[in-house]
Amino acid sequence: MTSIDDFQLQAGESVGVPDCTIFAEPVTSGSRLAVLGLSLAAGLAGGLLLGNAETGAALWGCIGLAAFAGGVLSTWSPCGYSSISLLRPTGKGAQALMGWLPTFAMHGLGYAAGTLILGTVLGAIGMLVGLSGFASGFGLAVLALIGLAYGAHQLDFLRVPYPQRRAQVPHDARQRFPKWVVGGLYGLSLGLDYLTYVQTPLLYMMTAAAILTGNIAEAIAIIALFNLGRFLPVAVNLFPVTDYAIQAWLGRHQQRAAIVDGAILTALGTACAVLALI
């Protein structure tokens, strides 16, 4: 379970992100056990319901919702937002906002490019190894293992390796390029997902799901939903709120986000395990 709240800004370099416990204030083991138990129960019920429905379509819906939620959770921290905040409009008022829209658009295009690149690579890997969908017994078992292991990791019951490139986007890029160019570059970096730190293990689950499809279009769709969740927080700049207010709110709710993350992983992993067994 990791956070990106503690980092040092170095001019001309990416920002290094060390491991640290996300629960700055201890959350009782009883509370975490309750979340774990409820998540397991929800996953069990969900798996049984999915087993009695059109499993493929229903499971796709669950994966899609989890992908989007994972994207939102991936920037849910003061420092995760700090990269996005560098793209804020210069000045206040309607004129400043209109001048910022090209940055907003380029940021979205950068995410779209990253989605196409990563989704194509993951789908092609699945095709090359002969995979044909995550609803198979093998695919469900893989997703179940990832969900349950990393769900316990996020709820602080288990330590699981968390391989990431521990860096942020280069913060000094805004001093070297026009803001709309920086918006595009940041979008591409963040849209590739593995070039910067991502604090939710749902990324691993969605990566596995994309590979398991063995289909480039379907893999792109999964990454697109994840990246849509990553991209949307920048839209907060359309509203008259300050950086301080946003980051203070994120800081107050970061622990809740980690618990929600663990709950989603556990529930989805349990549902996949049930489907693999029935």
C-alpha atoms as a PDB file:
ATOM      1  CA  MET A   1       0.000   0.000   0.000  1.00  0.00           C
ATOM      2  CA  THR A   2       1.736   3.117  -1.155  1.00  0.00           C
ATOM      3  CA  SER A   3       1.328   6.831  -1.399  1.00  0.00           C
ATOM      4  CA  ILE A   4       2.950   9.645  -3.335  1.00  0.00           C
ATOM      5  CA  ASP A   5       2.522  12.332  -0.732  1.00  0.00           C
ATOM      6  CA  ASP A   6       6.202  12.511   0.195  1.00  0.00           C
ATOM      7  CA  PHE A   7       8.423  13.527  -2.671  1.00  0.00           C
ATOM      8  CA  GLN A   8      11.098  16.052  -3.464  1.00  0.00           C
ATOM      9  CA  LEU A   9      10.844  18.365  -6.445  1.00  0.00           C
ATOM     10  CA  GLN A  10      14.059  18.541  -8.430  1.00  0.00           C
ATOM     11  CA  ALA A  11      14.345  21.085 -11.228  1.00  0.00           C
ATOM     12  CA  GLY A  12      14.941  19.489 -14.584  1.00  0.00           C
ATOM     13  CA  GLU A  13      14.148  15.973 -13.321  1.00  0.00           C
ATOM     14  CA  SER A  14      11.164  13.750 -12.761  1.00  0.00           C
ATOM     15  CA  VAL A  15       9.920  13.579  -9.209  1.00  0.00           C
ATOM     16  CA  GLY A  16      10.960  10.464  -7.326  1.00  0.00           C
ATOM     17  CA  VAL A  17       8.217   8.671  -5.425  1.00  0.00           C
ATOM     18  CA  PRO A  18       9.213   6.641  -2.364  1.00  0.00           C
ATOM     19  CA  ASP A  19       7.177   3.881  -0.774  1.00  0.00           C
ATOM     20  CA  CYS A  20       5.291   4.809   2.359  1.00  0.00           C
ATOM     21  CA  THR A  21       2.200   3.609   4.175  1.00  0.00           C
ATOM     22  CA  ILE A  22      -0.927   5.291   2.898  1.00  0.00           C
ATOM     23  CA  PHE A  23      -2.564   5.236   6.331  1.00  0.00           C
ATOM     24  CA  ALA A  24      -0.870   8.291   7.870  1.00  0.00           C
ATOM     25  CA  GLU A  25      -3.194   7.884  10.858  1.00  0.00           C
ATOM     26  CA  PRO A  26      -3.685   4.260  11.906  1.00  0.00           C
ATOM     27  CA  VAL A  27      -6.932   2.668  10.753  1.00  0.00           C
ATOM     28  CA  THR A  28      -7.970  -0.037  13.192  1.00  0.00           C
ATOM     29  CA  SER A  29      -7.583  -3.613  12.094  1.00  0.00           C
ATOM     30  CA  GLY A  30     -11.221  -4.134  13.044  1.00  0.00           C
ATOM     31  CA  SER A  31     -12.352  -1.509  10.548  1.00  0.00           C
ATOM     32  CA  ARG A  32     -10.192  -2.985   7.818  1.00  0.00           C
ATOM     33  CA  LEU A  33     -11.416  -6.498   8.627  1.00  0.00           C
ATOM     34  CA  ALA A  34     -14.991  -5.269   8.338  1.00  0.00           C
ATOM     35  CA  VAL A  35     -14.281  -3.798   4.895  1.00  0.00           C
ATOM     36  CA  LEU A  36     -12.544  -7.020   3.860  1.00  0.00           C
ATOM     37  CA  GLY A  37     -15.465  -9.154   5.040  1.00  0.00           C
ATOM     38  CA  LEU A  38     -18.093  -6.990   3.356  1.00  0.00           C
ATOM     39  CA  SER A  39     -16.064  -6.953   0.131  1.00  0.00           C
ATOM     40  CA  LEU A  40     -15.728 -10.738   0.145  1.00  0.00           C
ATOM     41  CA  ALA A  41     -19.467 -11.095   0.734  1.00  0.00           C
ATOM     42  CA  ALA A  42     -20.283  -8.625  -2.042  1.00  0.00           C
ATOM     43  CA  GLY A  43     -17.934 -10.438  -4.413  1.00  0.00           C
ATOM     44  CA  LEU A  44     -19.445 -13.812  -3.526  1.00  0.00           C
ATOM     45  CA  ALA A  45     -22.968 -12.543  -4.169  1.00  0.00           C
ATOM     46  CA  GLY A  46     -21.863 -10.799  -7.337  1.00  0.00           C
ATOM     47  CA  GLY A  47     -20.131 -13.905  -8.633  1.00  0.00           C
ATOM     48  CA  LEU A  48     -23.243 -16.034  -8.056  1.00  0.00           C
ATOM     49  CA  LEU A  49     -25.413 -13.453  -9.829  1.00  0.00           C
ATOM     50  CA  LEU A  50     -22.989 -13.233 -12.735  1.00  0.00           C
ATOM     51  CA  GLY A  51     -22.996 -17.005 -12.989  1.00  0.00           C
ATOM     52  CA  ASN A  52     -26.754 -16.957 -13.543  1.00  0.00           C
ATOM     53  CA  ALA A  53     -26.631 -14.188 -16.142  1.00  0.00           C
ATOM     54  CA  GLU A  54     -24.977 -13.615 -19.485  1.00  0.00           C
ATOM     55  CA  THR A  55     -21.566 -13.967 -17.885  1.00  0.00           C
ATOM     56  CA  GLY A  56     -19.524 -12.405 -20.671  1.00  0.00           C
ATOM     57  CA  ALA A  57     -21.531  -9.186 -20.998  1.00  0.00           C
ATOM     58  CA  ALA A  58     -22.072  -8.807 -17.244  1.00  0.00           C
ATOM     59  CA  LEU A  59     -18.415  -9.390 -16.478  1.00  0.00           C
ATOM     60  CA  TRP A  60     -17.454  -6.837 -19.116  1.00  0.00           C
ATOM     61  CA  GLY A  61     -19.649  -4.339 -17.317  1.00  0.00           C
ATOM     62  CA  CYS A  62     -17.909  -5.046 -13.996  1.00  0.00           C
ATOM     63  CA  ILE A  63     -14.463  -4.762 -15.564  1.00  0.00           C
ATOM     64  CA  GLY A  64     -15.443  -1.505 -17.248  1.00  0.00           C
ATOM     65  CA  LEU A  65     -16.720   0.054 -14.015  1.00  0.00           C
ATOM     66  CA  ALA A  66     -13.619  -1.093 -12.127  1.00  0.00           C
ATOM     67  CA  ALA A  67     -11.371   0.326 -14.851  1.00  0.00           C
ATOM     68  CA  PHE A  68     -13.017   3.736 -14.655  1.00  0.00           C
ATOM     69  CA  ALA A  69     -12.942   3.730 -10.843  1.00  0.00           C
ATOM     70  CA  GLY A  70      -9.273   2.753 -10.928  1.00  0.00           C
ATOM     71  CA  GLY A  71      -8.496   5.690 -13.191  1.00  0.00           C
ATOM     72  CA  VAL A  72     -10.166   8.126 -10.800  1.00  0.00           C
ATOM     73  CA  LEU A  73      -8.400   6.585  -7.795  1.00  0.00           C
ATOM     74  CA  SER A  74      -5.045   6.742  -9.600  1.00  0.00           C
ATOM     75  CA  THR A  75      -4.835  10.514  -9.112  1.00  0.00           C
ATOM     76  CA  TRP A  76      -6.611  10.648  -5.747  1.00  0.00           C
ATOM     77  CA  SER A  77      -3.887  12.224  -3.662  1.00  0.00           C
ATOM     78  CA  PRO A  78      -2.517  15.748  -3.199  1.00  0.00           C
ATOM     79  CA  CYS A  79       0.648  14.846  -5.084  1.00  0.00           C
ATOM     80  CA  GLY A  80      -1.158  12.908  -7.764  1.00  0.00           C
ATOM     81  CA  TYR A  81      -3.145  16.046  -8.440  1.00  0.00           C
ATOM     82  CA  SER A  82      -0.038  18.231  -8.227  1.00  0.00           C
ATOM     83  CA  SER A  83       1.004  17.241 -11.751  1.00  0.00           C
ATOM     84  CA  ILE A  84      -2.420  18.134 -13.111  1.00  0.00           C
ATOM     85  CA  SER A  85      -2.488  21.416 -11.184  1.00  0.00           C
ATOM     86  CA  LEU A  86       0.487  22.618 -13.212  1.00  0.00           C
ATOM     87  CA  LEU A  87      -1.883  22.858 -16.165  1.00  0.00           C
ATOM     88  CA  ARG A  88      -4.291  25.256 -14.442  1.00  0.00           C
ATOM     89  CA  PRO A  89      -5.500  28.363 -16.314  1.00  0.00           C
ATOM     90  CA  THR A  90      -3.308  31.439 -16.050  1.00  0.00           C
ATOM     91  CA  GLY A  91      -5.386  34.125 -14.426  1.00  0.00           C
ATOM     92  CA  LYS A  92      -9.097  34.228 -13.635  1.00  0.00           C
ATOM     93  CA  GLY A  93     -12.296  34.891 -15.513  1.00  0.00           C
ATOM     94  CA  ALA A  94     -13.862  33.791 -18.775  1.00  0.00           C
ATOM     95  CA  GLN A  95     -10.971  35.016 -20.938  1.00  0.00           C
ATOM     96  CA  ALA A  96      -8.410  32.994 -18.970  1.00  0.00           C
ATOM     97  CA  LEU A  97     -10.649  29.948 -19.130  1.00  0.00           C
ATOM     98  CA  MET A  98     -11.086  30.238 -22.897  1.00  0.00           C
ATOM     99  CA  GLY A  99      -7.321  30.583 -23.285  1.00  0.00           C
ATOM    100  CA  TRP A 100      -6.889  27.378 -21.269  1.00  0.00           C
ATOM    101  CA  LEU A 101      -9.204  25.215 -23.396  1.00  0.00           C
ATOM    102  CA  PRO A 102      -6.450  24.312 -25.937  1.00  0.00           C
ATOM    103  CA  THR A 103      -4.399  22.943 -23.014  1.00  0.00           C
ATOM    104  CA  PHE A 104      -7.396  20.922 -21.852  1.00  0.00           C
ATOM    105  CA  ALA A 105      -7.973  19.571 -25.373  1.00  0.00           C
ATOM    106  CA  MET A 106      -4.314  18.676 -25.908  1.00  0.00           C
ATOM    107  CA  HIS A 107      -4.226  16.912 -22.555  1.00  0.00           C
ATOM    108  CA  GLY A 108      -7.145  14.775 -23.688  1.00  0.00           C
ATOM    109  CA  LEU A 109      -5.502  14.052 -27.045  1.00  0.00           C
ATOM    110  CA  GLY A 110      -2.338  12.993 -25.226  1.00  0.00           C
ATOM    111  CA  TYR A 111      -4.369  10.552 -23.131  1.00  0.00           C
ATOM    112  CA  ALA A 112      -6.036   9.230 -26.287  1.00  0.00           C
ATOM    113  CA  ALA A 113      -2.652   8.619 -27.919  1.00  0.00           C
ATOM    114  CA  GLY A 114      -1.367   6.837 -24.809  1.00  0.00           C
ATOM    115  CA  THR A 115      -4.509   4.705 -24.723  1.00  0.00           C
ATOM    116  CA  LEU A 116      -4.088   3.601 -28.330  1.00  0.00           C
ATOM    117  CA  ILE A 117      -0.415   2.765 -27.853  1.00  0.00           C
ATOM    118  CA  LEU A 118      -0.761   0.845 -24.574  1.00  0.00           C
ATOM    119  CA  GLY A 119      -4.002  -0.880 -25.550  1.00  0.00           C
ATOM    120  CA  THR A 120      -2.539  -2.005 -28.864  1.00  0.00           C
ATOM    121  CA  VAL A 121       0.575  -3.415 -27.184  1.00  0.00           C
ATOM    122  CA  LEU A 122      -1.421  -5.291 -24.529  1.00  0.00           C
ATOM    123  CA  GLY A 123      -3.935  -6.670 -27.002  1.00  0.00           C
ATOM    124  CA  ALA A 124      -1.146  -7.763 -29.347  1.00  0.00           C
ATOM    125  CA  ILE A 125       0.617  -9.588 -26.501  1.00  0.00           C
ATOM    126  CA  GLY A 126      -2.572 -11.497 -25.794  1.00  0.00           C
ATOM    127  CA  MET A 127      -2.983 -12.369 -29.452  1.00  0.00           C
ATOM    128  CA  LEU A 128       0.595 -13.603 -29.743  1.00  0.00           C
ATOM    129  CA  VAL A 129       0.234 -16.007 -26.806  1.00  0.00           C
ATOM    130  CA  GLY A 130      -3.151 -17.236 -28.005  1.00  0.00           C
ATOM    131  CA  LEU A 131      -5.473 -15.754 -25.367  1.00  0.00           C
ATOM    132  CA  SER A 132      -9.109 -15.204 -26.290  1.00  0.00           C
ATOM    133  CA  GLY A 133     -10.968 -13.616 -23.381  1.00  0.00           C
ATOM    134  CA  PHE A 134     -10.898 -13.074 -19.622  1.00  0.00           C
ATOM    135  CA  ALA A 135     -14.128 -15.059 -19.069  1.00  0.00           C
ATOM    136  CA  SER A 136     -12.256 -18.359 -19.479  1.00  0.00           C
ATOM    137  CA  GLY A 137     -11.309 -20.433 -16.437  1.00  0.00           C
ATOM    138  CA  PHE A 138      -7.673 -19.415 -16.768  1.00  0.00           C
ATOM    139  CA  GLY A 139      -8.488 -15.730 -17.233  1.00  0.00           C
ATOM    140  CA  LEU A 140     -10.853 -15.656 -14.271  1.00  0.00           C
ATOM    141  CA  ALA A 141      -8.266 -17.367 -12.064  1.00  0.00           C
ATOM    142  CA  VAL A 142      -5.628 -14.787 -13.015  1.00  0.00           C
ATOM    143  CA  LEU A 143      -7.965 -11.871 -12.295  1.00  0.00           C
ATOM    144  CA  ALA A 144      -9.069 -13.479  -9.017  1.00  0.00           C
ATOM    145  CA  LEU A 145      -5.483 -13.871  -7.842  1.00  0.00           C
ATOM    146  CA  ILE A 146      -4.575 -10.277  -8.692  1.00  0.00           C
ATOM    147  CA  GLY A 147      -7.733  -8.848  -7.136  1.00  0.00           C
ATOM    148  CA  LEU A 148      -7.518 -10.793  -3.876  1.00  0.00           C
ATOM    149  CA  ALA A 149      -3.774 -10.305  -3.406  1.00  0.00           C
ATOM    150  CA  TYR A 150      -3.747  -6.591  -4.109  1.00  0.00           C
ATOM    151  CA  GLY A 151      -7.029  -6.043  -2.274  1.00  0.00           C
ATOM    152  CA  ALA A 152      -5.369  -7.410   0.869  1.00  0.00           C
ATOM    153  CA  HIS A 153      -2.327  -5.250   0.027  1.00  0.00           C
ATOM    154  CA  GLN A 154      -4.401  -2.067  -0.116  1.00  0.00           C
ATOM    155  CA  LEU A 155      -6.188  -2.944   3.125  1.00  0.00           C
ATOM    156  CA  ASP A 156      -2.791  -3.472   4.777  1.00  0.00           C
ATOM    157  CA  PHE A 157      -3.107  -7.193   5.478  1.00  0.00           C
ATOM    158  CA  LEU A 158      -0.481  -8.379   2.993  1.00  0.00           C
ATOM    159  CA  ARG A 159       2.696  -7.058   1.363  1.00  0.00           C
ATOM    160  CA  VAL A 160       2.769  -7.696  -2.382  1.00  0.00           C
ATOM    161  CA  PRO A 161       5.451  -6.443  -4.808  1.00  0.00           C
ATOM    162  CA  TYR A 162       4.378  -3.155  -6.359  1.00  0.00           C
ATOM    163  CA  PRO A 163       6.548  -2.634  -9.459  1.00  0.00           C
ATOM    164  CA  GLN A 164       6.240   0.932 -10.686  1.00  0.00           C
ATOM    165  CA  ARG A 165       8.396   3.582 -12.277  1.00  0.00           C
ATOM    166  CA  ARG A 166       8.548   5.816  -9.235  1.00  0.00           C
ATOM    167  CA  ALA A 167       8.445   9.156 -10.990  1.00  0.00           C
ATOM    168  CA  GLN A 168       6.090  11.970 -11.785  1.00  0.00           C
ATOM    169  CA  VAL A 169       5.926  13.919 -15.022  1.00  0.00           C
ATOM    170  CA  PRO A 170       8.832  16.426 -15.367  1.00  0.00           C
ATOM    171  CA  HIS A 171       7.554  19.434 -13.449  1.00  0.00           C
ATOM    172  CA  ASP A 172       9.958  21.839 -15.132  1.00  0.00           C
ATOM    173  CA  ALA A 173       8.443  21.133 -18.580  1.00  0.00           C
ATOM    174  CA  ARG A 174       6.056  24.052 -18.041  1.00  0.00           C
ATOM    175  CA  GLN A 175       9.081  26.380 -18.075  1.00  0.00           C
ATOM    176  CA  ARG A 176      10.391  25.017 -21.383  1.00  0.00           C
ATOM    177  CA  PHE A 177       7.234  24.679 -23.500  1.00  0.00           C
ATOM    178  CA  PRO A 178       3.928  26.514 -24.025  1.00  0.00           C
ATOM    179  CA  LYS A 179       1.240  25.250 -21.679  1.00  0.00           C
ATOM    180  CA  TRP A 180      -0.782  23.591 -24.453  1.00  0.00           C
ATOM    181  CA  VAL A 181       2.303  21.587 -25.463  1.00  0.00           C
ATOM    182  CA  VAL A 182       2.878  20.583 -21.843  1.00  0.00           C
ATOM    183  CA  GLY A 183      -0.766  19.532 -21.640  1.00  0.00           C
ATOM    184  CA  GLY A 184      -0.269  17.136 -24.549  1.00  0.00           C
ATOM    185  CA  LEU A 185       3.026  15.775 -23.233  1.00  0.00           C
ATOM    186  CA  TYR A 186       1.588  15.209 -19.770  1.00  0.00           C
ATOM    187  CA  GLY A 187      -1.464  13.512 -21.267  1.00  0.00           C
ATOM    188  CA  LEU A 188       0.715  11.129 -23.278  1.00  0.00           C
ATOM    189  CA  SER A 189       2.934  10.299 -20.289  1.00  0.00           C
ATOM    190  CA  LEU A 190       0.000   9.717 -17.967  1.00  0.00           C
ATOM    191  CA  GLY A 191      -2.015   7.921 -20.639  1.00  0.00           C
ATOM    192  CA  LEU A 192       0.715   5.314 -21.079  1.00  0.00           C
ATOM    193  CA  ASP A 193       0.135   4.525 -17.373  1.00  0.00           C
ATOM    194  CA  TYR A 194       3.507   2.866 -16.733  1.00  0.00           C
ATOM    195  CA  LEU A 195       5.727   5.904 -17.375  1.00  0.00           C
ATOM    196  CA  THR A 196       4.678   7.525 -14.102  1.00  0.00           C
ATOM    197  CA  TYR A 197       3.658   6.318 -10.669  1.00  0.00           C
ATOM    198  CA  VAL A 198       0.070   5.028 -10.377  1.00  0.00           C
ATOM    199  CA  GLN A 199      -1.097   4.457  -6.825  1.00  0.00           C
ATOM    200  CA  THR A 200      -3.875   1.925  -7.482  1.00  0.00           C
ATOM    201  CA  PRO A 201      -3.183  -1.779  -8.168  1.00  0.00           C
ATOM    202  CA  LEU A 202      -6.376  -1.776 -10.230  1.00  0.00           C
ATOM    203  CA  LEU A 203      -3.967  -0.830 -13.019  1.00  0.00           C
ATOM    204  CA  TYR A 204      -2.451  -4.324 -12.791  1.00  0.00           C
ATOM    205  CA  MET A 205      -5.871  -5.967 -12.884  1.00  0.00           C
ATOM    206  CA  MET A 206      -6.925  -3.938 -15.921  1.00  0.00           C
ATOM    207  CA  THR A 207      -3.606  -4.648 -17.639  1.00  0.00           C
ATOM    208  CA  ALA A 208      -4.153  -8.367 -17.120  1.00  0.00           C
ATOM    209  CA  ALA A 209      -7.735  -8.100 -18.374  1.00  0.00           C
ATOM    210  CA  ALA A 210      -6.550  -6.260 -21.494  1.00  0.00           C
ATOM    211  CA  ILE A 211      -3.954  -8.931 -22.269  1.00  0.00           C
ATOM    212  CA  LEU A 212      -6.411 -11.744 -21.573  1.00  0.00           C
ATOM    213  CA  THR A 213      -8.822 -10.414 -24.197  1.00  0.00           C
ATOM    214  CA  GLY A 214      -6.346 -11.348 -26.918  1.00  0.00           C
ATOM    215  CA  ASN A 215      -8.061  -8.629 -28.915  1.00  0.00           C
ATOM    216  CA  ILE A 216      -6.590  -5.216 -29.681  1.00  0.00           C
ATOM    217  CA  ALA A 217      -9.922  -3.357 -29.869  1.00  0.00           C
ATOM    218  CA  GLU A 218     -11.117  -4.811 -26.559  1.00  0.00           C
ATOM    219  CA  ALA A 219      -7.785  -4.104 -24.868  1.00  0.00           C
ATOM    220  CA  ILE A 220      -7.946  -0.490 -26.061  1.00  0.00           C
ATOM    221  CA  ALA A 221     -11.487  -0.234 -24.655  1.00  0.00           C
ATOM    222  CA  ILE A 222     -10.343  -1.332 -21.173  1.00  0.00           C
ATOM    223  CA  ILE A 223      -7.406   1.076 -21.128  1.00  0.00           C
ATOM    224  CA  ALA A 224      -9.648   3.834 -22.501  1.00  0.00           C
ATOM    225  CA  LEU A 225     -12.014   3.478 -19.538  1.00  0.00           C
ATOM    226  CA  PHE A 226      -9.119   3.506 -17.082  1.00  0.00           C
ATOM    227  CA  ASN A 227      -7.607   6.579 -18.733  1.00  0.00           C
ATOM    228  CA  LEU A 228     -10.944   8.359 -18.892  1.00  0.00           C
ATOM    229  CA  GLY A 229     -11.000   8.152 -15.107  1.00  0.00           C
ATOM    230  CA  ARG A 230      -7.439   9.497 -15.006  1.00  0.00           C
ATOM    231  CA  PHE A 231      -8.197  12.341 -17.390  1.00  0.00           C
ATOM    232  CA  LEU A 232     -11.444  13.701 -15.943  1.00  0.00           C
ATOM    233  CA  PRO A 233      -9.954  15.223 -12.733  1.00  0.00           C
ATOM    234  CA  VAL A 234      -8.259  17.922 -14.824  1.00  0.00           C
ATOM    235  CA  ALA A 235     -11.758  19.223 -15.596  1.00  0.00           C
ATOM    236  CA  VAL A 236     -11.887  20.576 -12.037  1.00  0.00           C
ATOM    237  CA  ASN A 237      -9.946  23.525 -13.464  1.00  0.00           C
ATOM    238  CA  LEU A 238     -13.150  24.579 -15.226  1.00  0.00           C
ATOM    239  CA  PHE A 239     -14.542  25.570 -11.834  1.00  0.00           C
ATOM    240  CA  PRO A 240     -13.551  28.495  -9.570  1.00  0.00           C
ATOM    241  CA  VAL A 241     -11.708  26.455  -6.938  1.00  0.00           C
ATOM    242  CA  THR A 242      -8.168  26.913  -5.668  1.00  0.00           C
ATOM    243  CA  ASP A 243      -5.299  24.437  -5.716  1.00  0.00           C
ATOM    244  CA  TYR A 244      -5.163  24.572  -1.936  1.00  0.00           C
ATOM    245  CA  ALA A 245      -8.843  23.688  -1.548  1.00  0.00           C
ATOM    246  CA  ILE A 246      -8.559  20.742  -3.961  1.00  0.00           C
ATOM    247  CA  GLN A 247      -5.398  19.307  -2.441  1.00  0.00           C
ATOM    248  CA  ALA A 248      -6.676  19.768   1.108  1.00  0.00           C
ATOM    249  CA  TRP A 249      -9.848  17.866   0.225  1.00  0.00           C
ATOM    250  CA  LEU A 250      -7.862  15.081  -1.437  1.00  0.00           C
ATOM    251  CA  GLY A 251      -5.567  14.864   1.562  1.00  0.00           C
ATOM    252  CA  ARG A 252      -8.521  14.520   3.952  1.00  0.00           C
ATOM    253  CA  HIS A 253     -10.053  11.705   1.916  1.00  0.00           C
ATOM    254  CA  GLN A 254      -6.954   9.836   0.723  1.00  0.00           C
ATOM    255  CA  GLN A 255      -7.271   7.064   3.305  1.00  0.00           C
ATOM    256  CA  ARG A 256     -10.886   6.500   2.304  1.00  0.00           C
ATOM    257  CA  ALA A 257      -9.763   6.217  -1.312  1.00  0.00           C
ATOM    258  CA  ALA A 258      -7.263   3.491  -0.371  1.00  0.00           C
ATOM    259  CA  ILE A 259      -9.983   1.560   1.445  1.00  0.00           C
ATOM    260  CA  VAL A 260     -12.354   1.893  -1.517  1.00  0.00           C
ATOM    261  CA  ASP A 261      -9.537   0.690  -3.762  1.00  0.00           C
ATOM    262  CA  GLY A 262      -8.995  -2.392  -1.613  1.00  0.00           C
ATOM    263  CA  ALA A 263     -12.728  -3.067  -1.464  1.00  0.00           C
ATOM    264  CA  ILE A 264     -13.126  -2.947  -5.267  1.00  0.00           C
ATOM    265  CA  LEU A 265     -10.132  -5.224  -5.809  1.00  0.00           C
ATOM    266  CA  THR A 266     -11.338  -7.730  -3.211  1.00  0.00           C
ATOM    267  CA  ALA A 267     -14.935  -7.801  -4.421  1.00  0.00           C
ATOM    268  CA  LEU A 268     -14.007  -8.148  -8.087  1.00  0.00           C
ATOM    269  CA  GLY A 269     -11.343 -10.746  -7.297  1.00  0.00           C
ATOM    270  CA  THR A 270     -13.842 -12.774  -5.261  1.00  0.00           C
ATOM    271  CA  ALA A 271     -16.443 -12.593  -8.029  1.00  0.00           C
ATOM    272  CA  CYS A 272     -13.893 -13.849 -10.551  1.00  0.00           C
ATOM    273  CA  ALA A 273     -12.902 -16.682  -8.208  1.00  0.00           C
ATOM    274  CA  VAL A 274     -16.548 -17.740  -7.860  1.00  0.00           C
ATOM    275  CA  LEU A 275     -17.029 -17.687 -11.632  1.00  0.00           C
ATOM    276  CA  ALA A 276     -13.872 -19.746 -12.119  1.00  0.00           C
ATOM    277  CA  LEU A 277     -15.242 -22.428  -9.780  1.00  0.00           C
ATOM    278  CA  ILE A 278     -18.809 -22.721 -11.064  1.00  0.00           C
END
